[in-house]
Amino acid sequence: MEVKKGIVYLVGAGPGDPGLLTIKGKQCIEKADVIVYDHLANKVLLTYAKNDVELIYVGKKAGTHTMSQKDINRLICEKASKDLCVTRLKGGDPYIFGRGGEEAR
């Protein structure tokens, strides 16, 4: 039995201005089969995605979480295990005040 392996890209959406997204970040959005995005990521960035991309909102606002961090991590792994290209789009820098380290592991 062959084990399928997808790929996961952890992309920081920057401070909000879509013009500040890196070229590599835009490329990761463009080739993604699945985009898992949060509340702080500018929704304009999702317009770079393919028409058939699966968009999954996992935003967290004060006191309101659509999904726990553990469940977000599980979701990312589940999608990648289906041989999909997953882009985790996070507002700002994913390693400053984010859970980039947890999600990368």
PDB file of N, CA and C in Angstrom:
ATOM      1  N   MET A   1       0.840  -1.183   0.000  1.00  0.00           N
ATOM      2  CA  MET A   1       0.000   0.000   0.000  1.00  0.00           C
ATOM      3  C   MET A   1       0.881   1.241   0.000  1.00  0.00           C
ATOM      4  N   GLU A   2       0.654   2.114  -0.944  1.00  0.00           N
ATOM      5  CA  GLU A   2       1.432   3.342  -1.052  1.00  0.00           C
ATOM      6  C   GLU A   2       0.837   4.416  -0.148  1.00  0.00           C
ATOM      7  N   VAL A   3       1.696   5.062   0.623  1.00  0.00           N
ATOM      8  CA  VAL A   3       1.261   6.149   1.485  1.00  0.00           C
ATOM      9  C   VAL A   3       1.311   7.437   0.679  1.00  0.00           C
ATOM     10  N   LYS A   4       0.184   8.140   0.636  1.00  0.00           N
ATOM     11  CA  LYS A   4       0.141   9.401  -0.092  1.00  0.00           C
ATOM     12  C   LYS A   4       0.609  10.524   0.819  1.00  0.00           C
ATOM     13  N   LYS A   5       1.361  11.431   0.247  1.00  0.00           N
ATOM     14  CA  LYS A   5       1.862  12.562   1.011  1.00  0.00           C
ATOM     15  C   LYS A   5       1.601  13.838   0.240  1.00  0.00           C
ATOM     16  N   GLY A   6       0.886  14.725   0.848  1.00  0.00           N
ATOM     17  CA  GLY A   6       0.680  16.035   0.265  1.00  0.00           C
ATOM     18  C   GLY A   6       1.771  16.961   0.760  1.00  0.00           C
ATOM     19  N   ILE A   7       1.510  18.229   0.628  1.00  0.00           N
ATOM     20  CA  ILE A   7       2.465  19.227   1.105  1.00  0.00           C
ATOM     21  C   ILE A   7       1.681  20.340   1.774  1.00  0.00           C
ATOM     22  N   VAL A   8       2.286  20.928   2.802  1.00  0.00           N
ATOM     23  CA  VAL A   8       1.656  22.025   3.526  1.00  0.00           C
ATOM     24  C   VAL A   8       2.581  23.230   3.484  1.00  0.00           C
ATOM     25  N   TYR A   9       2.023  24.355   3.086  1.00  0.00           N
ATOM     26  CA  TYR A   9       2.753  25.620   3.106  1.00  0.00           C
ATOM     27  C   TYR A   9       2.160  26.496   4.201  1.00  0.00           C
ATOM     28  N   LEU A  10       3.002  27.043   5.034  1.00  0.00           N
ATOM     29  CA  LEU A  10       2.593  27.968   6.084  1.00  0.00           C
ATOM     30  C   LEU A  10       2.933  29.363   5.584  1.00  0.00           C
ATOM     31  N   VAL A  11       1.890  30.147   5.291  1.00  0.00           N
ATOM     32  CA  VAL A  11       2.073  31.453   4.654  1.00  0.00           C
ATOM     33  C   VAL A  11       1.566  32.556   5.576  1.00  0.00           C
ATOM     34  N   GLY A  12       2.432  33.512   5.840  1.00  0.00           N
ATOM     35  CA  GLY A  12       2.031  34.710   6.580  1.00  0.00           C
ATOM     36  C   GLY A  12       1.447  35.716   5.610  1.00  0.00           C
ATOM     37  N   ALA A  13       0.238  36.182   5.898  1.00  0.00           N
ATOM     38  CA  ALA A  13      -0.468  37.104   5.006  1.00  0.00           C
ATOM     39  C   ALA A  13       0.020  38.542   5.141  1.00  0.00           C
ATOM     40  N   GLY A  14       0.908  38.796   6.071  1.00  0.00           N
ATOM     41  CA  GLY A  14       1.427  40.141   6.253  1.00  0.00           C
ATOM     42  C   GLY A  14       0.479  41.016   7.058  1.00  0.00           C
ATOM     43  N   PRO A  15       0.757  42.327   7.082  1.00  0.00           N
ATOM     44  CA  PRO A  15       0.003  43.239   7.941  1.00  0.00           C
ATOM     45  C   PRO A  15      -1.374  43.641   7.405  1.00  0.00           C
ATOM     46  N   GLY A  16      -1.794  43.091   6.301  1.00  0.00           N
ATOM     47  CA  GLY A  16      -3.136  43.399   5.809  1.00  0.00           C
ATOM     48  C   GLY A  16      -3.189  43.880   4.380  1.00  0.00           C
ATOM     49  N   ASP A  17      -2.207  44.637   3.956  1.00  0.00           N
ATOM     50  CA  ASP A  17      -2.165  45.156   2.591  1.00  0.00           C
ATOM     51  C   ASP A  17      -1.780  44.017   1.646  1.00  0.00           C
ATOM     52  N   PRO A  18      -2.648  43.635   0.706  1.00  0.00           N
ATOM     53  CA  PRO A  18      -2.330  42.533  -0.212  1.00  0.00           C
ATOM     54  C   PRO A  18      -1.039  42.764  -1.014  1.00  0.00           C
ATOM     55  N   GLY A  19      -0.649  44.010  -1.215  1.00  0.00           N
ATOM     56  CA  GLY A  19       0.574  44.316  -1.937  1.00  0.00           C
ATOM     57  C   GLY A  19       1.835  43.923  -1.185  1.00  0.00           C
ATOM     58  N   LEU A  20       1.703  43.597   0.088  1.00  0.00           N
ATOM     59  CA  LEU A  20       2.868  43.220   0.887  1.00  0.00           C
ATOM     60  C   LEU A  20       3.061  41.716   0.998  1.00  0.00           C
ATOM     61  N   LEU A  21       2.182  40.935   0.373  1.00  0.00           N
ATOM     62  CA  LEU A  21       2.349  39.485   0.347  1.00  0.00           C
ATOM     63  C   LEU A  21       3.583  39.143  -0.480  1.00  0.00           C
ATOM     64  N   THR A  22       4.347  38.164  -0.052  1.00  0.00           N
ATOM     65  CA  THR A  22       5.525  37.780  -0.828  1.00  0.00           C
ATOM     66  C   THR A  22       5.107  37.054  -2.108  1.00  0.00           C
ATOM     67  N   ILE A  23       6.000  37.040  -3.073  1.00  0.00           N
ATOM     68  CA  ILE A  23       5.746  36.310  -4.325  1.00  0.00           C
ATOM     69  C   ILE A  23       5.558  34.831  -4.021  1.00  0.00           C
ATOM     70  N   LYS A  24       6.381  34.269  -3.153  1.00  0.00           N
ATOM     71  CA  LYS A  24       6.268  32.859  -2.777  1.00  0.00           C
ATOM     72  C   LYS A  24       4.927  32.585  -2.101  1.00  0.00           C
ATOM     73  N   GLY A  25       4.487  33.481  -1.250  1.00  0.00           N
ATOM     74  CA  GLY A  25       3.193  33.322  -0.594  1.00  0.00           C
ATOM     75  C   GLY A  25       2.064  33.294  -1.611  1.00  0.00           C
ATOM     76  N   LYS A  26       2.123  34.179  -2.596  1.00  0.00           N
ATOM     77  CA  LYS A  26       1.106  34.202  -3.650  1.00  0.00           C
ATOM     78  C   LYS A  26       1.123  32.901  -4.444  1.00  0.00           C
ATOM     79  N   GLN A  27       2.306  32.394  -4.739  1.00  0.00           N
ATOM     80  CA  GLN A  27       2.429  31.132  -5.478  1.00  0.00           C
ATOM     81  C   GLN A  27       1.826  29.973  -4.683  1.00  0.00           C
ATOM     82  N   CYS A  28       2.009  29.970  -3.374  1.00  0.00           N
ATOM     83  CA  CYS A  28       1.448  28.915  -2.527  1.00  0.00           C
ATOM     84  C   CYS A  28      -0.079  28.973  -2.528  1.00  0.00           C
ATOM     85  N   ILE A  29      -0.632  30.163  -2.535  1.00  0.00           N
ATOM     86  CA  ILE A  29      -2.086  30.320  -2.609  1.00  0.00           C
ATOM     87  C   ILE A  29      -2.590  29.840  -3.969  1.00  0.00           C
ATOM     88  N   GLU A  30      -1.878  30.189  -5.026  1.00  0.00           N
ATOM     89  CA  GLU A  30      -2.304  29.844  -6.387  1.00  0.00           C
ATOM     90  C   GLU A  30      -2.328  28.334  -6.638  1.00  0.00           C
ATOM     91  N   LYS A  31      -1.406  27.600  -6.041  1.00  0.00           N
ATOM     92  CA  LYS A  31      -1.345  26.169  -6.341  1.00  0.00           C
ATOM     93  C   LYS A  31      -2.068  25.300  -5.311  1.00  0.00           C
ATOM     94  N   ALA A  32      -2.625  25.908  -4.287  1.00  0.00           N
ATOM     95  CA  ALA A  32      -3.265  25.143  -3.214  1.00  0.00           C
ATOM     96  C   ALA A  32      -4.546  24.444  -3.678  1.00  0.00           C
ATOM     97  N   ASP A  33      -4.709  23.213  -3.186  1.00  0.00           N
ATOM     98  CA  ASP A  33      -5.982  22.502  -3.337  1.00  0.00           C
ATOM     99  C   ASP A  33      -6.915  22.877  -2.194  1.00  0.00           C
ATOM    100  N   VAL A  34      -6.301  23.210  -1.055  1.00  0.00           N
ATOM    101  CA  VAL A  34      -7.035  23.571   0.155  1.00  0.00           C
ATOM    102  C   VAL A  34      -6.344  24.782   0.775  1.00  0.00           C
ATOM    103  N   ILE A  35      -7.134  25.773   1.172  1.00  0.00           N
ATOM    104  CA  ILE A  35      -6.594  26.911   1.919  1.00  0.00           C
ATOM    105  C   ILE A  35      -7.312  26.963   3.257  1.00  0.00           C
ATOM    106  N   VAL A  36      -6.527  26.874   4.321  1.00  0.00           N
ATOM    107  CA  VAL A  36      -7.033  26.965   5.683  1.00  0.00           C
ATOM    108  C   VAL A  36      -6.610  28.355   6.162  1.00  0.00           C
ATOM    109  N   TYR A  37      -7.595  29.247   6.335  1.00  0.00           N
ATOM    110  CA  TYR A  37      -7.248  30.645   6.612  1.00  0.00           C
ATOM    111  C   TYR A  37      -7.890  31.151   7.893  1.00  0.00           C
ATOM    112  N   ASP A  38      -7.282  32.195   8.445  1.00  0.00           N
ATOM    113  CA  ASP A  38      -7.776  32.718   9.714  1.00  0.00           C
ATOM    114  C   ASP A  38      -8.411  34.093   9.558  1.00  0.00           C
ATOM    115  N   HIS A  39      -8.862  34.610  10.668  1.00  0.00           N
ATOM    116  CA  HIS A  39      -9.610  35.871  10.703  1.00  0.00           C
ATOM    117  C   HIS A  39      -8.778  37.066  10.248  1.00  0.00           C
ATOM    118  N   LEU A  40      -7.499  37.074  10.542  1.00  0.00           N
ATOM    119  CA  LEU A  40      -6.661  38.236  10.254  1.00  0.00           C
ATOM    120  C   LEU A  40      -6.101  38.267   8.837  1.00  0.00           C
ATOM    121  N   ALA A  41      -6.247  37.191   8.089  1.00  0.00           N
ATOM    122  CA  ALA A  41      -5.755  37.166   6.708  1.00  0.00           C
ATOM    123  C   ALA A  41      -6.738  37.960   5.825  1.00  0.00           C
ATOM    124  N   ASN A  42      -6.210  38.905   5.068  1.00  0.00           N
ATOM    125  CA  ASN A  42      -7.050  39.706   4.182  1.00  0.00           C
ATOM    126  C   ASN A  42      -7.725  38.789   3.155  1.00  0.00           C
ATOM    127  N   LYS A  43      -9.041  38.849   3.087  1.00  0.00           N
ATOM    128  CA  LYS A  43      -9.805  37.956   2.199  1.00  0.00           C
ATOM    129  C   LYS A  43      -9.510  38.212   0.724  1.00  0.00           C
ATOM    130  N   VAL A  44      -8.970  39.368   0.382  1.00  0.00           N
ATOM    131  CA  VAL A  44      -8.580  39.665  -1.001  1.00  0.00           C
ATOM    132  C   VAL A  44      -7.553  38.649  -1.486  1.00  0.00           C
ATOM    133  N   LEU A  45      -6.717  38.148  -0.584  1.00  0.00           N
ATOM    134  CA  LEU A  45      -5.682  37.178  -0.966  1.00  0.00           C
ATOM    135  C   LEU A  45      -6.290  35.882  -1.491  1.00  0.00           C
ATOM    136  N   LEU A  46      -7.506  35.578  -1.092  1.00  0.00           N
ATOM    137  CA  LEU A  46      -8.159  34.352  -1.556  1.00  0.00           C
ATOM    138  C   LEU A  46      -8.527  34.424  -3.033  1.00  0.00           C
ATOM    139  N   THR A  47      -8.534  35.629  -3.608  1.00  0.00           N
ATOM    140  CA  THR A  47      -8.838  35.765  -5.041  1.00  0.00           C
ATOM    141  C   THR A  47      -7.713  35.206  -5.908  1.00  0.00           C
ATOM    142  N   TYR A  48      -6.545  34.972  -5.331  1.00  0.00           N
ATOM    143  CA  TYR A  48      -5.426  34.371  -6.070  1.00  0.00           C
ATOM    144  C   TYR A  48      -5.592  32.855  -6.217  1.00  0.00           C
ATOM    145  N   ALA A  49      -6.526  32.281  -5.493  1.00  0.00           N
ATOM    146  CA  ALA A  49      -6.697  30.826  -5.469  1.00  0.00           C
ATOM    147  C   ALA A  49      -7.370  30.312  -6.737  1.00  0.00           C
ATOM    148  N   LYS A  50      -7.152  29.015  -6.990  1.00  0.00           N
ATOM    149  CA  LYS A  50      -7.816  28.343  -8.107  1.00  0.00           C
ATOM    150  C   LYS A  50      -9.329  28.353  -7.868  1.00  0.00           C
ATOM    151  N   ASN A  51     -10.083  28.215  -8.950  1.00  0.00           N
ATOM    152  CA  ASN A  51     -11.545  28.212  -8.846  1.00  0.00           C
ATOM    153  C   ASN A  51     -12.083  27.052  -8.013  1.00  0.00           C
ATOM    154  N   ASP A  52     -11.409  25.916  -8.059  1.00  0.00           N
ATOM    155  CA  ASP A  52     -11.916  24.732  -7.363  1.00  0.00           C
ATOM    156  C   ASP A  52     -11.253  24.485  -6.008  1.00  0.00           C
ATOM    157  N   VAL A  53     -10.607  25.488  -5.466  1.00  0.00           N
ATOM    158  CA  VAL A  53      -9.938  25.343  -4.172  1.00  0.00           C
ATOM    159  C   VAL A  53     -10.973  25.129  -3.069  1.00  0.00           C
ATOM    160  N   GLU A  54     -10.609  24.351  -2.069  1.00  0.00           N
ATOM    161  CA  GLU A  54     -11.453  24.197  -0.889  1.00  0.00           C
ATOM    162  C   GLU A  54     -10.993  25.229   0.134  1.00  0.00           C
ATOM    163  N   LEU A  55     -11.871  26.147   0.488  1.00  0.00           N
ATOM    164  CA  LEU A  55     -11.564  27.186   1.467  1.00  0.00           C
ATOM    165  C   LEU A  55     -12.144  26.783   2.812  1.00  0.00           C
ATOM    166  N   ILE A  56     -11.294  26.785   3.839  1.00  0.00           N
ATOM    167  CA  ILE A  56     -11.735  26.414   5.177  1.00  0.00           C
ATOM    168  C   ILE A  56     -11.356  27.533   6.140  1.00  0.00           C
ATOM    169  N   TYR A  57     -12.377  28.183   6.689  1.00  0.00           N
ATOM    170  CA  TYR A  57     -12.163  29.268   7.644  1.00  0.00           C
ATOM    171  C   TYR A  57     -12.010  28.688   9.045  1.00  0.00           C
ATOM    172  N   VAL A  58     -10.912  29.020   9.693  1.00  0.00           N
ATOM    173  CA  VAL A  58     -10.658  28.548  11.054  1.00  0.00           C
ATOM    174  C   VAL A  58     -10.344  29.725  11.972  1.00  0.00           C
ATOM    175  N   GLY A  59     -11.005  30.838  11.703  1.00  0.00           N
ATOM    176  CA  GLY A  59     -10.716  32.079  12.414  1.00  0.00           C
ATOM    177  C   GLY A  59     -11.001  32.034  13.902  1.00  0.00           C
ATOM    178  N   LYS A  60     -10.227  32.844  14.597  1.00  0.00           N
ATOM    179  CA  LYS A  60     -10.397  33.006  16.037  1.00  0.00           C
ATOM    180  C   LYS A  60     -10.492  34.500  16.323  1.00  0.00           C
ATOM    181  N   LYS A  61     -11.546  34.895  16.998  1.00  0.00           N
ATOM    182  CA  LYS A  61     -11.684  36.257  17.504  1.00  0.00           C
ATOM    183  C   LYS A  61     -11.811  36.129  19.014  1.00  0.00           C
ATOM    184  N   ALA A  62     -11.634  37.217  19.707  1.00  0.00           N
ATOM    185  CA  ALA A  62     -11.712  37.184  21.165  1.00  0.00           C
ATOM    186  C   ALA A  62     -12.985  36.484  21.629  1.00  0.00           C
ATOM    187  N   GLY A  63     -12.798  35.372  22.317  1.00  0.00           N
ATOM    188  CA  GLY A  63     -13.924  34.639  22.872  1.00  0.00           C
ATOM    189  C   GLY A  63     -14.670  33.746  21.895  1.00  0.00           C
ATOM    190  N   THR A  64     -14.345  33.816  20.617  1.00  0.00           N
ATOM    191  CA  THR A  64     -15.038  33.013  19.611  1.00  0.00           C
ATOM    192  C   THR A  64     -14.019  32.275  18.754  1.00  0.00           C
ATOM    193  N   HIS A  65     -13.997  30.969  18.868  1.00  0.00           N
ATOM    194  CA  HIS A  65     -13.092  30.154  18.061  1.00  0.00           C
ATOM    195  C   HIS A  65     -13.921  29.190  17.226  1.00  0.00           C
ATOM    196  N   THR A  66     -13.681  29.179  15.915  1.00  0.00           N
ATOM    197  CA  THR A  66     -14.399  28.246  15.060  1.00  0.00           C
ATOM    198  C   THR A  66     -13.880  26.827  15.256  1.00  0.00           C
ATOM    199  N   MET A  67     -12.629  26.711  15.699  1.00  0.00           N
ATOM    200  CA  MET A  67     -11.998  25.403  15.839  1.00  0.00           C
ATOM    201  C   MET A  67     -10.828  25.543  16.811  1.00  0.00           C
ATOM    202  N   SER A  68     -10.596  24.538  17.613  1.00  0.00           N
ATOM    203  CA  SER A  68      -9.451  24.578  18.526  1.00  0.00           C
ATOM    204  C   SER A  68      -8.160  24.426  17.728  1.00  0.00           C
ATOM    205  N   GLN A  69      -7.052  24.836  18.342  1.00  0.00           N
ATOM    206  CA  GLN A  69      -5.763  24.706  17.660  1.00  0.00           C
ATOM    207  C   GLN A  69      -5.455  23.248  17.351  1.00  0.00           C
ATOM    208  N   LYS A  70      -5.782  22.375  18.280  1.00  0.00           N
ATOM    209  CA  LYS A  70      -5.558  20.940  18.077  1.00  0.00           C
ATOM    210  C   LYS A  70      -6.341  20.452  16.848  1.00  0.00           C
ATOM    211  N   ASP A  71      -7.576  20.912  16.701  1.00  0.00           N
ATOM    212  CA  ASP A  71      -8.397  20.508  15.559  1.00  0.00           C
ATOM    213  C   ASP A  71      -7.890  21.109  14.245  1.00  0.00           C
ATOM    214  N   ILE A  72      -7.362  22.325  14.306  1.00  0.00           N
ATOM    215  CA  ILE A  72      -6.766  22.939  13.112  1.00  0.00           C
ATOM    216  C   ILE A  72      -5.571  22.107  12.662  1.00  0.00           C
ATOM    217  N   ASN A  73      -4.713  21.753  13.606  1.00  0.00           N
ATOM    218  CA  ASN A  73      -3.543  20.946  13.281  1.00  0.00           C
ATOM    219  C   ASN A  73      -3.956  19.609  12.669  1.00  0.00           C
ATOM    220  N   ARG A  74      -4.965  18.982  13.245  1.00  0.00           N
ATOM    221  CA  ARG A  74      -5.466  17.699  12.757  1.00  0.00           C
ATOM    222  C   ARG A  74      -6.027  17.857  11.337  1.00  0.00           C
ATOM    223  N   LEU A  75      -6.783  18.921  11.097  1.00  0.00           N
ATOM    224  CA  LEU A  75      -7.364  19.186   9.782  1.00  0.00           C
ATOM    225  C   LEU A  75      -6.279  19.333   8.721  1.00  0.00           C
ATOM    226  N   ILE A  76      -5.245  20.092   9.021  1.00  0.00           N
ATOM    227  CA  ILE A  76      -4.146  20.302   8.084  1.00  0.00           C
ATOM    228  C   ILE A  76      -3.490  18.963   7.733  1.00  0.00           C
ATOM    229  N   CYS A  77      -3.213  18.157   8.747  1.00  0.00           N
ATOM    230  CA  CYS A  77      -2.592  16.842   8.514  1.00  0.00           C
ATOM    231  C   CYS A  77      -3.501  15.923   7.717  1.00  0.00           C
ATOM    232  N   GLU A  78      -4.798  15.962   8.025  1.00  0.00           N
ATOM    233  CA  GLU A  78      -5.763  15.112   7.315  1.00  0.00           C
ATOM    234  C   GLU A  78      -5.799  15.455   5.823  1.00  0.00           C
ATOM    235  N   LYS A  79      -5.840  16.730   5.499  1.00  0.00           N
ATOM    236  CA  LYS A  79      -5.884  17.149   4.095  1.00  0.00           C
ATOM    237  C   LYS A  79      -4.585  16.791   3.377  1.00  0.00           C
ATOM    238  N   ALA A  80      -3.453  16.996   4.032  1.00  0.00           N
ATOM    239  CA  ALA A  80      -2.167  16.660   3.417  1.00  0.00           C
ATOM    240  C   ALA A  80      -2.028  15.157   3.200  1.00  0.00           C
ATOM    241  N   SER A  81      -2.591  14.365   4.099  1.00  0.00           N
ATOM    242  CA  SER A  81      -2.493  12.910   3.954  1.00  0.00           C
ATOM    243  C   SER A  81      -3.299  12.390   2.767  1.00  0.00           C
ATOM    244  N   LYS A  82      -4.158  13.230   2.214  1.00  0.00           N
ATOM    245  CA  LYS A  82      -4.938  12.870   1.026  1.00  0.00           C
ATOM    246  C   LYS A  82      -4.230  13.315  -0.252  1.00  0.00           C
ATOM    247  N   ASP A  83      -2.936  13.570  -0.130  1.00  0.00           N
ATOM    248  CA  ASP A  83      -2.100  13.964  -1.267  1.00  0.00           C
ATOM    249  C   ASP A  83      -2.507  15.324  -1.841  1.00  0.00           C
ATOM    250  N   LEU A  84      -2.953  16.213  -0.959  1.00  0.00           N
ATOM    251  CA  LEU A  84      -3.378  17.544  -1.390  1.00  0.00           C
ATOM    252  C   LEU A  84      -2.317  18.580  -1.038  1.00  0.00           C
ATOM    253  N   CYS A  85      -2.325  19.662  -1.790  1.00  0.00           N
ATOM    254  CA  CYS A  85      -1.482  20.815  -1.498  1.00  0.00           C
ATOM    255  C   CYS A  85      -2.297  21.750  -0.606  1.00  0.00           C
ATOM    256  N   VAL A  86      -1.827  21.943   0.634  1.00  0.00           N
ATOM    257  CA  VAL A  86      -2.542  22.733   1.626  1.00  0.00           C
ATOM    258  C   VAL A  86      -1.751  24.007   1.907  1.00  0.00           C
ATOM    259  N   THR A  87      -2.422  25.135   1.829  1.00  0.00           N
ATOM    260  CA  THR A  87      -1.805  26.393   2.243  1.00  0.00           C
ATOM    261  C   THR A  87      -2.510  26.866   3.499  1.00  0.00           C
ATOM    262  N   ARG A  88      -1.744  27.011   4.569  1.00  0.00           N
ATOM    263  CA  ARG A  88      -2.268  27.555   5.830  1.00  0.00           C
ATOM    264  C   ARG A  88      -1.964  29.035   5.798  1.00  0.00           C
ATOM    265  N   LEU A  89      -2.980  29.846   5.608  1.00  0.00           N
ATOM    266  CA  LEU A  89      -2.837  31.291   5.463  1.00  0.00           C
ATOM    267  C   LEU A  89      -3.179  31.969   6.778  1.00  0.00           C
ATOM    268  N   LYS A  90      -2.167  32.586   7.366  1.00  0.00           N
ATOM    269  CA  LYS A  90      -2.319  33.240   8.666  1.00  0.00           C
ATOM    270  C   LYS A  90      -2.042  34.729   8.532  1.00  0.00           C
ATOM    271  N   GLY A  91      -2.769  35.521   9.286  1.00  0.00           N
ATOM    272  CA  GLY A  91      -2.531  36.958   9.290  1.00  0.00           C
ATOM    273  C   GLY A  91      -1.170  37.278   9.875  1.00  0.00           C
ATOM    274  N   GLY A  92      -0.556  38.335   9.378  1.00  0.00           N
ATOM    275  CA  GLY A  92       0.728  38.764   9.909  1.00  0.00           C
ATOM    276  C   GLY A  92       1.834  37.766   9.656  1.00  0.00           C
ATOM    277  N   ASP A  93       2.745  37.678  10.601  1.00  0.00           N
ATOM    278  CA  ASP A  93       3.836  36.712  10.567  1.00  0.00           C
ATOM    279  C   ASP A  93       3.392  35.519  11.407  1.00  0.00           C
ATOM    280  N   PRO A  94       3.349  34.322  10.825  1.00  0.00           N
ATOM    281  CA  PRO A  94       2.810  33.175  11.563  1.00  0.00           C
ATOM    282  C   PRO A  94       3.614  32.770  12.790  1.00  0.00           C
ATOM    283  N   TYR A  95       4.818  33.307  12.940  1.00  0.00           N
ATOM    284  CA  TYR A  95       5.643  32.923  14.079  1.00  0.00           C
ATOM    285  C   TYR A  95       5.658  33.977  15.180  1.00  0.00           C
ATOM    286  N   ILE A  96       5.043  35.120  14.937  1.00  0.00           N
ATOM    287  CA  ILE A  96       4.950  36.162  15.960  1.00  0.00           C
ATOM    288  C   ILE A  96       3.503  36.227  16.400  1.00  0.00           C
ATOM    289  N   PHE A  97       3.232  35.920  17.636  1.00  0.00           N
ATOM    290  CA  PHE A  97       1.889  35.892  18.222  1.00  0.00           C
ATOM    291  C   PHE A  97       0.983  34.866  17.556  1.00  0.00           C
ATOM    292  N   GLY A  98       1.538  34.005  16.733  1.00  0.00           N
ATOM    293  CA  GLY A  98       0.742  32.971  16.065  1.00  0.00           C
ATOM    294  C   GLY A  98       1.131  31.613  16.590  1.00  0.00           C
ATOM    295  N   ARG A  99       0.629  30.611  15.963  1.00  0.00           N
ATOM    296  CA  ARG A  99       0.935  29.241  16.358  1.00  0.00           C
ATOM    297  C   ARG A  99       1.726  28.553  15.260  1.00  0.00           C
ATOM    298  N   GLY A 100       2.545  29.324  14.570  1.00  0.00           N
ATOM    299  CA  GLY A 100       3.320  28.792  13.452  1.00  0.00           C
ATOM    300  C   GLY A 100       4.187  27.611  13.827  1.00  0.00           C
ATOM    301  N   GLY A 101       4.817  27.680  14.985  1.00  0.00           N
ATOM    302  CA  GLY A 101       5.665  26.581  15.424  1.00  0.00           C
ATOM    303  C   GLY A 101       4.875  25.306  15.634  1.00  0.00           C
ATOM    304  N   GLU A 102       3.714  25.425  16.276  1.00  0.00           N
ATOM    305  CA  GLU A 102       2.856  24.258  16.502  1.00  0.00           C
ATOM    306  C   GLU A 102       2.369  23.682  15.191  1.00  0.00           C
ATOM    307  N   GLU A 103       1.948  24.552  14.291  1.00  0.00           N
ATOM    308  CA  GLU A 103       1.391  24.088  13.025  1.00  0.00           C
ATOM    309  C   GLU A 103       2.483  23.486  12.133  1.00  0.00           C
ATOM    310  N   ALA A 104       3.681  24.014  12.193  1.00  0.00           N
ATOM    311  CA  ALA A 104       4.774  23.471  11.396  1.00  0.00           C
ATOM    312  C   ALA A 104       5.142  22.055  11.866  1.00  0.00           C
ATOM    313  N   ARG A 105       5.121  21.849  13.181  1.00  0.00           N
ATOM    314  CA  ARG A 105       5.419  20.508  13.698  1.00  0.00           C
ATOM    315  C   ARG A 105       4.388  19.530  13.227  1.00  0.00           C
TER     316      ARG A 105
END
